[in-house]
């Protein structure tokens, strides 16, 4: 709720409260037929209704990343490099089996990347496990709408649940994909034996 709305509510309500308590000047300045009092009462009712409206409450963003990890334990972590440049550091959370959901993978970026480029690179890696180009194109479009641009210091957390994959940035949900097979193919990029980054896979699958 804006500070101006708060101030307006206080201005209208506080004098009435002081008058009821026997404080301040309780003399009204009515116009003909009491129209002034009626209009003031309507304004007070409207502003109080707005103040109570849950749609205007500026609640903090949902913090969902930490609860997603609460039932998991940290496994391994490692670096992903391309042409010798460090792109991101990856960390895996899992239960007893680091290759079965629920899983969570956090990527801490060390370079600036566009969300579109992240989605396109993801689709390219998924082709190792998925042959359906129409499906890959659909997934790519959905990921382009989800993945944000990142800069060094940013991170994205991917969570693999039985009902699909969800993605968070700074513990705030940014999107999810429940299409059958997506979560499996997405996490296979890092955890499948056919990954293009076998050293990173080995590091992730080590117990922390």
C-alpha atoms as a PDB file:
ATOM      1  CA  UNK A   1       0.000   0.000   0.000  1.00  0.00           C
ATOM      2  CA  UNK A   2       1.342   3.440  -0.909  1.00  0.00           C
ATOM      3  CA  UNK A   3       2.367   5.885   1.798  1.00  0.00           C
ATOM      4  CA  UNK A   4      -0.023   8.475   0.324  1.00  0.00           C
ATOM      5  CA  UNK A   5      -2.968   6.122   0.773  1.00  0.00           C
ATOM      6  CA  UNK A   6      -1.874   5.410   4.338  1.00  0.00           C
ATOM      7  CA  UNK A   7      -1.645   9.141   5.041  1.00  0.00           C
ATOM      8  CA  UNK A   8      -5.101   9.735   3.565  1.00  0.00           C
ATOM      9  CA  UNK A   9      -6.619   7.018   5.745  1.00  0.00           C
ATOM     10  CA  UNK A  10      -4.985   8.477   8.843  1.00  0.00           C
ATOM     11  CA  UNK A  11      -6.200  11.982   7.973  1.00  0.00           C
ATOM     12  CA  UNK A  12      -9.793  10.801   7.648  1.00  0.00           C
ATOM     13  CA  UNK A  13      -9.983   8.293  10.466  1.00  0.00           C
ATOM     14  CA  UNK A  14      -7.776   9.837  13.162  1.00  0.00           C
ATOM     15  CA  UNK A  15      -9.933  12.966  13.834  1.00  0.00           C
ATOM     16  CA  UNK A  16     -12.992  10.793  14.331  1.00  0.00           C
ATOM     17  CA  UNK A  17     -11.119   8.557  16.748  1.00  0.00           C
ATOM     18  CA  UNK A  18      -9.842  11.570  18.718  1.00  0.00           C
ATOM     19  CA  UNK A  19     -13.360  12.993  18.910  1.00  0.00           C
ATOM     20  CA  UNK A  20     -14.736   9.692  20.227  1.00  0.00           C
ATOM     21  CA  UNK A  21     -12.034   9.752  22.893  1.00  0.00           C
ATOM     22  CA  UNK A  22     -12.979  13.301  23.927  1.00  0.00           C
ATOM     23  CA  UNK A  23      -9.880  14.841  22.380  1.00  0.00           C
ATOM     24  CA  UNK A  24      -9.446  17.543  19.752  1.00  0.00           C
ATOM     25  CA  UNK A  25     -12.047  19.647  17.965  1.00  0.00           C
ATOM     26  CA  UNK A  26     -15.220  17.671  17.337  1.00  0.00           C
ATOM     27  CA  UNK A  27     -17.121  20.465  15.658  1.00  0.00           C
ATOM     28  CA  UNK A  28     -18.170  19.545  12.161  1.00  0.00           C
ATOM     29  CA  UNK A  29     -18.687  21.909   9.286  1.00  0.00           C
ATOM     30  CA  UNK A  30     -21.835  20.510   7.682  1.00  0.00           C
ATOM     31  CA  UNK A  31     -23.350  21.808   4.500  1.00  0.00           C
ATOM     32  CA  UNK A  32     -27.035  21.741   3.599  1.00  0.00           C
ATOM     33  CA  UNK A  33     -28.904  18.482   4.327  1.00  0.00           C
ATOM     34  CA  UNK A  34     -25.793  16.908   5.835  1.00  0.00           C
ATOM     35  CA  UNK A  35     -24.252  16.193   2.398  1.00  0.00           C
ATOM     36  CA  UNK A  36     -20.769  16.982   3.671  1.00  0.00           C
ATOM     37  CA  UNK A  37     -20.991  14.352   6.425  1.00  0.00           C
ATOM     38  CA  UNK A  38     -22.423  11.772   4.035  1.00  0.00           C
ATOM     39  CA  UNK A  39     -19.665  12.327   1.460  1.00  0.00           C
ATOM     40  CA  UNK A  40     -16.984  12.145   4.136  1.00  0.00           C
ATOM     41  CA  UNK A  41     -18.440   8.906   5.484  1.00  0.00           C
ATOM     42  CA  UNK A  42     -18.431   7.382   2.011  1.00  0.00           C
ATOM     43  CA  UNK A  43     -14.793   8.393   1.455  1.00  0.00           C
ATOM     44  CA  UNK A  44     -13.799   6.892   4.806  1.00  0.00           C
ATOM     45  CA  UNK A  45     -15.601   3.640   3.983  1.00  0.00           C
ATOM     46  CA  UNK A  46     -13.939   3.430   0.570  1.00  0.00           C
ATOM     47  CA  UNK A  47     -10.441   4.083   1.896  1.00  0.00           C
ATOM     48  CA  UNK A  48     -10.855   1.604   4.740  1.00  0.00           C
ATOM     49  CA  UNK A  49     -12.069  -1.027   2.274  1.00  0.00           C
ATOM     50  CA  UNK A  50      -9.022  -0.395   0.099  1.00  0.00           C
ATOM     51  CA  UNK A  51      -6.765  -0.661   3.122  1.00  0.00           C
ATOM     52  CA  UNK A  52      -8.226  -4.052   4.021  1.00  0.00           C
ATOM     53  CA  UNK A  53      -8.082  -5.417   0.478  1.00  0.00           C
ATOM     54  CA  UNK A  54      -5.656  -8.349   0.201  1.00  0.00           C
ATOM     55  CA  UNK A  55      -5.005  -7.452  -3.438  1.00  0.00           C
ATOM     56  CA  UNK A  56      -3.333  -4.196  -2.412  1.00  0.00           C
ATOM     57  CA  UNK A  57      -1.123  -5.699   0.284  1.00  0.00           C
ATOM     58  CA  UNK A  58       2.487  -5.644  -0.860  1.00  0.00           C
ATOM     59  CA  UNK A  59       3.514  -9.030   0.492  1.00  0.00           C
ATOM     60  CA  UNK A  60       7.168 -10.094   0.075  1.00  0.00           C
ATOM     61  CA  UNK A  61       7.877 -12.478  -2.823  1.00  0.00           C
ATOM     62  CA  UNK A  62       7.495 -16.181  -2.123  1.00  0.00           C
ATOM     63  CA  UNK A  63      10.673 -17.725  -0.797  1.00  0.00           C
ATOM     64  CA  UNK A  64      10.441 -21.240  -2.125  1.00  0.00           C
ATOM     65  CA  UNK A  65      14.014 -22.282  -2.841  1.00  0.00           C
ATOM     66  CA  UNK A  66      15.025 -23.154   0.714  1.00  0.00           C
ATOM     67  CA  UNK A  67      11.987 -25.374   1.467  1.00  0.00           C
ATOM     68  CA  UNK A  68      12.676 -27.285  -1.759  1.00  0.00           C
ATOM     69  CA  UNK A  69      16.093 -28.228  -0.352  1.00  0.00           C
ATOM     70  CA  UNK A  70      14.935 -28.957   3.184  1.00  0.00           C
ATOM     71  CA  UNK A  71      14.429 -32.696   2.596  1.00  0.00           C
ATOM     72  CA  UNK A  72      17.590 -33.093   0.497  1.00  0.00           C
ATOM     73  CA  UNK A  73      21.268 -33.296   1.297  1.00  0.00           C
ATOM     74  CA  UNK A  74      24.114 -31.623  -0.504  1.00  0.00           C
ATOM     75  CA  UNK A  75      26.129 -33.881  -2.770  1.00  0.00           C
ATOM     76  CA  UNK A  76      28.982 -32.718  -4.980  1.00  0.00           C
ATOM     77  CA  UNK A  77      29.906 -29.563  -6.848  1.00  0.00           C
ATOM     78  CA  UNK A  78      32.120 -28.743  -9.789  1.00  0.00           C
ATOM     79  CA  UNK A  79      32.945 -26.245 -12.512  1.00  0.00           C
ATOM     80  CA  UNK A  80      31.747 -26.032 -16.088  1.00  0.00           C
ATOM     81  CA  UNK A  81      34.185 -24.480 -18.527  1.00  0.00           C
ATOM     82  CA  UNK A  82      33.879 -23.730 -22.223  1.00  0.00           C
ATOM     83  CA  UNK A  83      37.009 -23.050 -24.287  1.00  0.00           C
ATOM     84  CA  UNK A  84      38.895 -22.649 -21.026  1.00  0.00           C
ATOM     85  CA  UNK A  85      36.548 -20.010 -19.597  1.00  0.00           C
ATOM     86  CA  UNK A  86      34.678 -20.680 -16.367  1.00  0.00           C
ATOM     87  CA  UNK A  87      30.951 -20.380 -17.148  1.00  0.00           C
ATOM     88  CA  UNK A  88      29.357 -21.558 -13.900  1.00  0.00           C
ATOM     89  CA  UNK A  89      29.774 -23.660 -10.804  1.00  0.00           C
ATOM     90  CA  UNK A  90      27.204 -26.405 -10.266  1.00  0.00           C
ATOM     91  CA  UNK A  91      26.054 -27.934  -6.968  1.00  0.00           C
ATOM     92  CA  UNK A  92      23.743 -30.935  -6.586  1.00  0.00           C
ATOM     93  CA  UNK A  93      21.264 -31.734  -3.807  1.00  0.00           C
ATOM     94  CA  UNK A  94      19.571 -35.137  -3.652  1.00  0.00           C
ATOM     95  CA  UNK A  95      18.285 -37.893  -1.404  1.00  0.00           C
ATOM     96  CA  UNK A  96      19.940 -41.283  -1.168  1.00  0.00           C
ATOM     97  CA  UNK A  97      20.106 -41.636  -4.970  1.00  0.00           C
ATOM     98  CA  UNK A  98      21.617 -38.606  -6.750  1.00  0.00           C
ATOM     99  CA  UNK A  99      20.121 -39.676 -10.080  1.00  0.00           C
ATOM    100  CA  UNK A 100      16.484 -40.000  -9.041  1.00  0.00           C
ATOM    101  CA  UNK A 101      14.034 -37.257  -8.031  1.00  0.00           C
ATOM    102  CA  UNK A 102      13.713 -35.307  -5.907  1.00  0.00           C
ATOM    103  CA  UNK A 103      16.856 -33.492  -7.013  1.00  0.00           C
ATOM    104  CA  UNK A 104      18.015 -29.895  -7.085  1.00  0.00           C
ATOM    105  CA  UNK A 105      20.823 -28.389  -9.131  1.00  0.00           C
ATOM    106  CA  UNK A 106      22.124 -24.874  -8.549  1.00  0.00           C
ATOM    107  CA  UNK A 107      24.164 -23.073 -11.192  1.00  0.00           C
ATOM    108  CA  UNK A 108      26.206 -20.109  -9.953  1.00  0.00           C
ATOM    109  CA  UNK A 109      27.133 -18.071 -13.010  1.00  0.00           C
ATOM    110  CA  UNK A 110      30.562 -16.549 -13.513  1.00  0.00           C
ATOM    111  CA  UNK A 111      29.851 -14.918 -16.856  1.00  0.00           C
ATOM    112  CA  UNK A 112      27.052 -12.750 -18.235  1.00  0.00           C
ATOM    113  CA  UNK A 113      24.627 -14.721 -20.401  1.00  0.00           C
ATOM    114  CA  UNK A 114      21.289 -13.971 -22.007  1.00  0.00           C
ATOM    115  CA  UNK A 115      18.358 -16.124 -20.962  1.00  0.00           C
ATOM    116  CA  UNK A 116      17.766 -16.921 -24.629  1.00  0.00           C
ATOM    117  CA  UNK A 117      21.311 -18.278 -24.950  1.00  0.00           C
ATOM    118  CA  UNK A 118      20.862 -20.438 -21.835  1.00  0.00           C
ATOM    119  CA  UNK A 119      17.669 -21.928 -23.302  1.00  0.00           C
ATOM    120  CA  UNK A 120      19.314 -22.604 -26.675  1.00  0.00           C
ATOM    121  CA  UNK A 121      22.344 -24.286 -25.069  1.00  0.00           C
ATOM    122  CA  UNK A 122      20.005 -26.408 -22.956  1.00  0.00           C
ATOM    123  CA  UNK A 123      18.096 -27.615 -26.017  1.00  0.00           C
ATOM    124  CA  UNK A 124      21.378 -28.436 -27.772  1.00  0.00           C
ATOM    125  CA  UNK A 125      22.454 -30.642 -24.857  1.00  0.00           C
ATOM    126  CA  UNK A 126      19.023 -32.267 -24.607  1.00  0.00           C
ATOM    127  CA  UNK A 127      19.413 -33.587 -28.165  1.00  0.00           C
ATOM    128  CA  UNK A 128      21.710 -36.239 -26.688  1.00  0.00           C
ATOM    129  CA  UNK A 129      18.672 -37.764 -25.007  1.00  0.00           C
ATOM    130  CA  UNK A 130      15.615 -36.604 -26.994  1.00  0.00           C
ATOM    131  CA  UNK A 131      15.112 -37.147 -30.739  1.00  0.00           C
ATOM    132  CA  UNK A 132      11.754 -35.379 -31.098  1.00  0.00           C
ATOM    133  CA  UNK A 133      12.649 -31.998 -32.627  1.00  0.00           C
ATOM    134  CA  UNK A 134       9.116 -30.631 -32.307  1.00  0.00           C
ATOM    135  CA  UNK A 135       9.155 -31.387 -28.597  1.00  0.00           C
ATOM    136  CA  UNK A 136      12.593 -29.839 -28.188  1.00  0.00           C
ATOM    137  CA  UNK A 137      11.412 -26.722 -30.000  1.00  0.00           C
ATOM    138  CA  UNK A 138       8.424 -26.474 -27.656  1.00  0.00           C
ATOM    139  CA  UNK A 139      10.636 -26.893 -24.590  1.00  0.00           C
ATOM    140  CA  UNK A 140      13.084 -24.338 -25.926  1.00  0.00           C
ATOM    141  CA  UNK A 141      10.357 -21.737 -26.349  1.00  0.00           C
ATOM    142  CA  UNK A 142       9.083 -22.333 -22.835  1.00  0.00           C
ATOM    143  CA  UNK A 143      12.584 -22.068 -21.382  1.00  0.00           C
ATOM    144  CA  UNK A 144      13.182 -18.808 -23.244  1.00  0.00           C
ATOM    145  CA  UNK A 145      10.189 -17.397 -21.402  1.00  0.00           C
ATOM    146  CA  UNK A 146      11.472 -18.667 -18.043  1.00  0.00           C
ATOM    147  CA  UNK A 147      15.239 -18.201 -17.966  1.00  0.00           C
ATOM    148  CA  UNK A 148      16.401 -14.658 -17.136  1.00  0.00           C
ATOM    149  CA  UNK A 149      19.539 -12.934 -18.304  1.00  0.00           C
ATOM    150  CA  UNK A 150      22.296 -13.548 -15.773  1.00  0.00           C
ATOM    151  CA  UNK A 151      25.475 -11.796 -14.725  1.00  0.00           C
ATOM    152  CA  UNK A 152      28.407 -12.954 -12.582  1.00  0.00           C
ATOM    153  CA  UNK A 153      27.115 -13.674  -9.095  1.00  0.00           C
ATOM    154  CA  UNK A 154      23.594 -14.676 -10.191  1.00  0.00           C
ATOM    155  CA  UNK A 155      22.308 -18.207  -9.764  1.00  0.00           C
ATOM    156  CA  UNK A 156      19.442 -20.370 -10.993  1.00  0.00           C
ATOM    157  CA  UNK A 157      18.149 -23.354  -9.034  1.00  0.00           C
ATOM    158  CA  UNK A 158      16.452 -26.174 -10.932  1.00  0.00           C
ATOM    159  CA  UNK A 159      14.321 -28.604  -8.918  1.00  0.00           C
ATOM    160  CA  UNK A 160      13.328 -32.046 -10.231  1.00  0.00           C
ATOM    161  CA  UNK A 161      10.164 -33.317  -8.589  1.00  0.00           C
ATOM    162  CA  UNK A 162       7.979 -36.250  -9.635  1.00  0.00           C
ATOM    163  CA  UNK A 163       5.493 -33.747 -11.130  1.00  0.00           C
ATOM    164  CA  UNK A 164       8.080 -31.934 -13.262  1.00  0.00           C
ATOM    165  CA  UNK A 165      10.746 -29.255 -13.018  1.00  0.00           C
ATOM    166  CA  UNK A 166      10.614 -25.876 -11.294  1.00  0.00           C
ATOM    167  CA  UNK A 167      13.118 -23.040 -11.546  1.00  0.00           C
ATOM    168  CA  UNK A 168      14.075 -20.388  -9.006  1.00  0.00           C
ATOM    169  CA  UNK A 169      16.277 -17.319  -9.003  1.00  0.00           C
ATOM    170  CA  UNK A 170      17.285 -15.933  -5.616  1.00  0.00           C
ATOM    171  CA  UNK A 171      14.777 -18.357  -4.031  1.00  0.00           C
ATOM    172  CA  UNK A 172      11.884 -16.851  -6.015  1.00  0.00           C
ATOM    173  CA  UNK A 173       9.943 -19.094  -8.381  1.00  0.00           C
ATOM    174  CA  UNK A 174      10.421 -17.980 -11.994  1.00  0.00           C
ATOM    175  CA  UNK A 175       8.627 -20.832 -13.768  1.00  0.00           C
ATOM    176  CA  UNK A 176       8.178 -24.532 -14.255  1.00  0.00           C
ATOM    177  CA  UNK A 177       7.583 -27.188 -16.922  1.00  0.00           C
ATOM    178  CA  UNK A 178       5.504 -30.266 -16.207  1.00  0.00           C
ATOM    179  CA  UNK A 179       5.588 -31.831 -19.673  1.00  0.00           C
ATOM    180  CA  UNK A 180       6.349 -35.548 -19.414  1.00  0.00           C
ATOM    181  CA  UNK A 181      10.028 -36.245 -19.909  1.00  0.00           C
ATOM    182  CA  UNK A 182      11.256 -32.670 -19.588  1.00  0.00           C
ATOM    183  CA  UNK A 183      12.716 -32.875 -16.077  1.00  0.00           C
ATOM    184  CA  UNK A 184      14.418 -36.183 -16.847  1.00  0.00           C
ATOM    185  CA  UNK A 185      16.009 -34.808 -20.015  1.00  0.00           C
ATOM    186  CA  UNK A 186      16.996 -31.534 -18.359  1.00  0.00           C
ATOM    187  CA  UNK A 187      18.846 -33.161 -15.454  1.00  0.00           C
ATOM    188  CA  UNK A 188      20.376 -35.752 -17.781  1.00  0.00           C
ATOM    189  CA  UNK A 189      22.498 -32.910 -19.189  1.00  0.00           C
ATOM    190  CA  UNK A 190      24.594 -33.145 -16.023  1.00  0.00           C
ATOM    191  CA  UNK A 191      23.837 -36.574 -14.570  1.00  0.00           C
ATOM    192  CA  UNK A 192      23.473 -39.010 -17.479  1.00  0.00           C
ATOM    193  CA  UNK A 193      26.487 -41.087 -18.470  1.00  0.00           C
ATOM    194  CA  UNK A 194      26.179 -39.590 -21.979  1.00  0.00           C
ATOM    195  CA  UNK A 195      26.764 -36.038 -20.726  1.00  0.00           C
ATOM    196  CA  UNK A 196      29.152 -33.769 -22.611  1.00  0.00           C
ATOM    197  CA  UNK A 197      30.806 -32.866 -19.279  1.00  0.00           C
ATOM    198  CA  UNK A 198      31.843 -36.184 -17.688  1.00  0.00           C
ATOM    199  CA  UNK A 199      34.259 -34.583 -15.205  1.00  0.00           C
ATOM    200  CA  UNK A 200      31.536 -32.300 -13.883  1.00  0.00           C
ATOM    201  CA  UNK A 201      29.161 -35.271 -13.633  1.00  0.00           C
ATOM    202  CA  UNK A 202      31.696 -37.210 -11.569  1.00  0.00           C
ATOM    203  CA  UNK A 203      32.151 -34.225  -9.250  1.00  0.00           C
ATOM    204  CA  UNK A 204      28.410 -33.789  -8.762  1.00  0.00           C
ATOM    205  CA  UNK A 205      27.838 -37.459  -7.937  1.00  0.00           C
ATOM    206  CA  UNK A 206      30.378 -37.448  -5.110  1.00  0.00           C
ATOM    207  CA  UNK A 207      28.905 -37.425  -1.625  1.00  0.00           C
ATOM    208  CA  UNK A 208      29.359 -34.102   0.071  1.00  0.00           C
END
